[in-house]
C-alpha atoms as a PDB file:
ATOM      1  CA  MET A   1      17.218 -15.724  -8.932  1.00  0.00           C
ATOM      2  CA  HIS A   2      17.240 -13.665 -12.136  1.00  0.00           C
ATOM      3  CA  GLU A   3      13.497 -12.983 -11.805  1.00  0.00           C
ATOM      4  CA  GLN A   4      13.984 -11.758  -8.223  1.00  0.00           C
ATOM      5  CA  ARG A   5      16.777  -9.445  -9.322  1.00  0.00           C
ATOM      6  CA  ARG A   6      14.396  -7.987 -11.906  1.00  0.00           C
ATOM      7  CA  ILE A   7      11.326  -7.613  -9.709  1.00  0.00           C
ATOM      8  CA  CYS A   8      12.863  -6.528  -6.387  1.00  0.00           C
ATOM      9  CA  PRO A   9      14.163  -3.166  -7.639  1.00  0.00           C
ATOM     10  CA  GLN A  10      10.675  -2.406  -8.973  1.00  0.00           C
ATOM     11  CA  ILE A  11       9.130  -3.179  -5.590  1.00  0.00           C
ATOM     12  CA  LEU A  12      11.731  -1.099  -3.746  1.00  0.00           C
ATOM     13  CA  THR A  13      11.252   1.828  -6.122  1.00  0.00           C
ATOM     14  CA  LYS A  14       7.473   1.693  -5.704  1.00  0.00           C
ATOM     15  CA  PHE A  15       7.866   1.729  -1.915  1.00  0.00           C
ATOM     16  CA  GLN A  16      10.373   4.579  -2.168  1.00  0.00           C
ATOM     17  CA  ASN A  17       8.005   6.624  -4.345  1.00  0.00           C
ATOM     18  CA  ARG A  18       4.956   6.109  -2.135  1.00  0.00           C
ATOM     19  CA  VAL A  19       6.103   5.932   1.471  1.00  0.00           C
ATOM     20  CA  VAL A  20       6.673   9.662   2.000  1.00  0.00           C
ATOM     21  CA  ASP A  21       3.138  10.496   0.843  1.00  0.00           C
ATOM     22  CA  ASP A  22       1.724   7.572   2.821  1.00  0.00           C
ATOM     23  CA  LEU A  23       3.517   8.783   5.949  1.00  0.00           C
ATOM     24  CA  ALA A  24       2.220  12.338   5.468  1.00  0.00           C
ATOM     25  CA  CYS A  25      -1.319  11.010   5.019  1.00  0.00           C
ATOM     26  CA  LEU A  26      -0.969   8.896   8.157  1.00  0.00           C
ATOM     27  CA  ALA A  27       0.277  11.874  10.167  1.00  0.00           C
ATOM     28  CA  ARG A  28      -2.593  14.029   8.902  1.00  0.00           C
ATOM     29  CA  THR A  29      -5.254  11.451   9.783  1.00  0.00           C
ATOM     30  CA  ILE A  30      -3.853  11.091  13.301  1.00  0.00           C
ATOM     31  CA  ALA A  31      -3.726  14.874  13.763  1.00  0.00           C
ATOM     32  CA  GLU A  32      -7.344  15.093  12.571  1.00  0.00           C
ATOM     33  CA  HIS A  33      -8.317  12.291  14.994  1.00  0.00           C
ATOM     34  CA  LYS A  34      -9.480  10.064  12.136  1.00  0.00           C
ATOM     35  CA  LEU A  35      -8.205   7.075  14.011  1.00  0.00           C
ATOM     36  CA  GLU A  36      -9.991   4.336  12.090  1.00  0.00           C
ATOM     37  CA  GLU A  37      -8.503   5.609   8.837  1.00  0.00           C
ATOM     38  CA  ALA A  38      -5.110   6.035  10.535  1.00  0.00           C
ATOM     39  CA  ALA A  39      -5.217   2.428  11.716  1.00  0.00           C
ATOM     40  CA  ARG A  40      -5.998   1.277   8.176  1.00  0.00           C
ATOM     41  CA  LEU A  41      -3.123   3.331   6.744  1.00  0.00           C
ATOM     42  CA  ALA A  42      -0.713   2.082   9.408  1.00  0.00           C
ATOM     43  CA  HIS A  43      -1.792  -1.491   8.698  1.00  0.00           C
ATOM     44  CA  ALA A  44      -1.127  -1.042   4.967  1.00  0.00           C
ATOM     45  CA  LEU A  45       2.287   0.480   5.656  1.00  0.00           C
ATOM     46  CA  LYS A  46       3.064  -2.365   8.047  1.00  0.00           C
ATOM     47  CA  GLY A  47       2.298  -4.864   5.290  1.00  0.00           C
ATOM     48  CA  SER A  48       4.411  -3.056   2.712  1.00  0.00           C
ATOM     49  CA  ALA A  49       7.323  -2.871   5.129  1.00  0.00           C
ATOM     50  CA  ALA A  50       6.985  -6.553   6.017  1.00  0.00           C
ATOM     51  CA  ASN A  51       7.146  -7.464   2.326  1.00  0.00           C
ATOM     52  CA  LEU A  52      10.482  -5.634   2.126  1.00  0.00           C
ATOM     53  CA  SER A  53      11.794  -7.036   5.418  1.00  0.00           C
ATOM     54  CA  ALA A  54      11.987  -3.448   6.678  1.00  0.00           C
ATOM     55  CA  HIS A  55      11.560  -4.596  10.270  1.00  0.00           C
ATOM     56  CA  ALA A  56      11.917  -1.210  12.000  1.00  0.00           C
ATOM     57  CA  VAL A  57       9.310   0.359   9.689  1.00  0.00           C
ATOM     58  CA  ARG A  58       6.994  -2.622  10.174  1.00  0.00           C
ATOM     59  CA  SER A  59       7.365  -2.465  13.950  1.00  0.00           C
ATOM     60  CA  ALA A  60       6.724   1.273  14.172  1.00  0.00           C
ATOM     61  CA  ALA A  61       3.716   1.052  11.835  1.00  0.00           C
ATOM     62  CA  SER A  62       2.359  -1.834  13.902  1.00  0.00           C
ATOM     63  CA  GLU A  63       2.706   0.230  17.053  1.00  0.00           C
ATOM     64  CA  ILE A  64       0.774   3.089  15.445  1.00  0.00           C
ATOM     65  CA  GLU A  65      -1.908   0.709  14.220  1.00  0.00           C
ATOM     66  CA  THR A  66      -2.387  -0.614  17.756  1.00  0.00           C
ATOM     67  CA  LEU A  67      -2.359   2.831  19.345  1.00  0.00           C
ATOM     68  CA  THR A  68      -4.883   4.287  16.916  1.00  0.00           C
ATOM     69  CA  ARG A  69      -7.189   1.286  17.353  1.00  0.00           C
ATOM     70  CA  GLN A  70      -7.002   1.949  21.110  1.00  0.00           C
ATOM     71  CA  GLY A  71      -7.780   5.654  20.624  1.00  0.00           C
ATOM     72  CA  GLU A  72      -4.362   6.745  21.908  1.00  0.00           C
ATOM     73  CA  THR A  73      -3.854   9.782  19.679  1.00  0.00           C
ATOM     74  CA  ALA A  74      -1.053  11.416  21.678  1.00  0.00           C
ATOM     75  CA  GLN A  75       0.997   8.223  21.830  1.00  0.00           C
ATOM     76  CA  ALA A  76       0.376   7.566  18.141  1.00  0.00           C
ATOM     77  CA  GLU A  77       1.726  11.031  17.344  1.00  0.00           C
ATOM     78  CA  GLU A  78       4.824  10.245  19.413  1.00  0.00           C
ATOM     79  CA  ALA A  79       5.226   6.922  17.604  1.00  0.00           C
ATOM     80  CA  LEU A  80       5.211   8.811  14.300  1.00  0.00           C
ATOM     81  CA  THR A  81       8.654  10.145  15.238  1.00  0.00           C
ATOM     82  CA  ARG A  82       9.975   6.581  15.449  1.00  0.00           C
ATOM     83  CA  LEU A  83       8.245   5.656  12.211  1.00  0.00           C
ATOM     84  CA  ARG A  84       9.713   8.674  10.400  1.00  0.00           C
ATOM     85  CA  ALA A  85      13.205   7.760  11.617  1.00  0.00           C
ATOM     86  CA  ALA A  86      12.775   4.147  10.484  1.00  0.00           C
ATOM     87  CA  VAL A  87      11.457   5.265   7.090  1.00  0.00           C
ATOM     88  CA  ASP A  88      14.392   7.668   6.680  1.00  0.00           C
ATOM     89  CA  LEU A  89      16.864   4.843   7.323  1.00  0.00           C
ATOM     90  CA  CYS A  90      15.020   2.584   4.910  1.00  0.00           C
ATOM     91  CA  LEU A  91      14.945   5.251   2.196  1.00  0.00           C
ATOM     92  CA  ALA A  92      18.655   5.886   2.651  1.00  0.00           C
ATOM     93  CA  TYR A  93      19.378   2.186   2.081  1.00  0.00           C
ATOM     94  CA  ILE A  94      17.107   1.551  -0.922  1.00  0.00           C
ATOM     95  CA  PRO A  95      19.474   2.963  -3.603  1.00  0.00           C
ATOM     96  CA  GLN A  96      22.273   0.732  -2.321  1.00  0.00           C
ATOM     97  CA  ALA A  97      19.952  -2.272  -2.292  1.00  0.00           C
ATOM     98  CA  ILE A  98      18.849  -1.606  -5.868  1.00  0.00           C
ATOM     99  CA  VAL A  99      22.465  -1.446  -7.040  1.00  0.00           C
ATOM    100  CA  GLY A 100      23.157  -4.715  -5.234  1.00  0.00           C
ATOM    101  CA  LEU A 101      20.259  -6.340  -7.071  1.00  0.00           C
ATOM    102  CA  ALA A 102      21.436  -5.323 -10.533  1.00  0.00           C
ATOM    103  CA  PRO A 103      21.951  -8.343 -12.787  1.00  0.00           C
ATOM    104  CA  THR A 104      25.502  -9.601 -12.776  1.00  0.00           C
ATOM    105  CA  THR A 105      27.500 -10.627 -15.826  1.00  0.00           C
ATOM    106  CA  ARG A 106      26.785 -14.227 -14.910  1.00  0.00           C
ATOM    107  CA  ASP A 107      23.045 -13.480 -14.788  1.00  0.00           C
ATOM    108  CA  GLN A 108      23.250 -11.818 -18.202  1.00  0.00           C
ATOM    109  CA  ALA A 109      24.948 -14.925 -19.633  1.00  0.00           C
ATOM    110  CA  ARG A 110      21.957 -17.044 -18.580  1.00  0.00           C
ATOM    111  CA  ILE A 111      19.458 -14.917 -20.463  1.00  0.00           C
END
């Protein structure tokens, strides 16, 4: 458990630092009708979200991946609104999650 408490905050922080740029890149590729690249970006974001159990982010990214693979640009742009909302909720929670993962006194005693 101690190892998880050490690694999880690093993973959450990395996601937190990258997701805004990743989302902007995804939005740009959809707007530019680069749908193959958008599908790849959505797939990567879906995987990152799944690793964090960020189910709403994963679901919205999955929807965008499917829509871009089907050439549905307008619907993918609409789905970006849902993805942005899910990402915002996730980002709001990450600081609280990191605090909750901080080693406890009992964990420190085991070191």
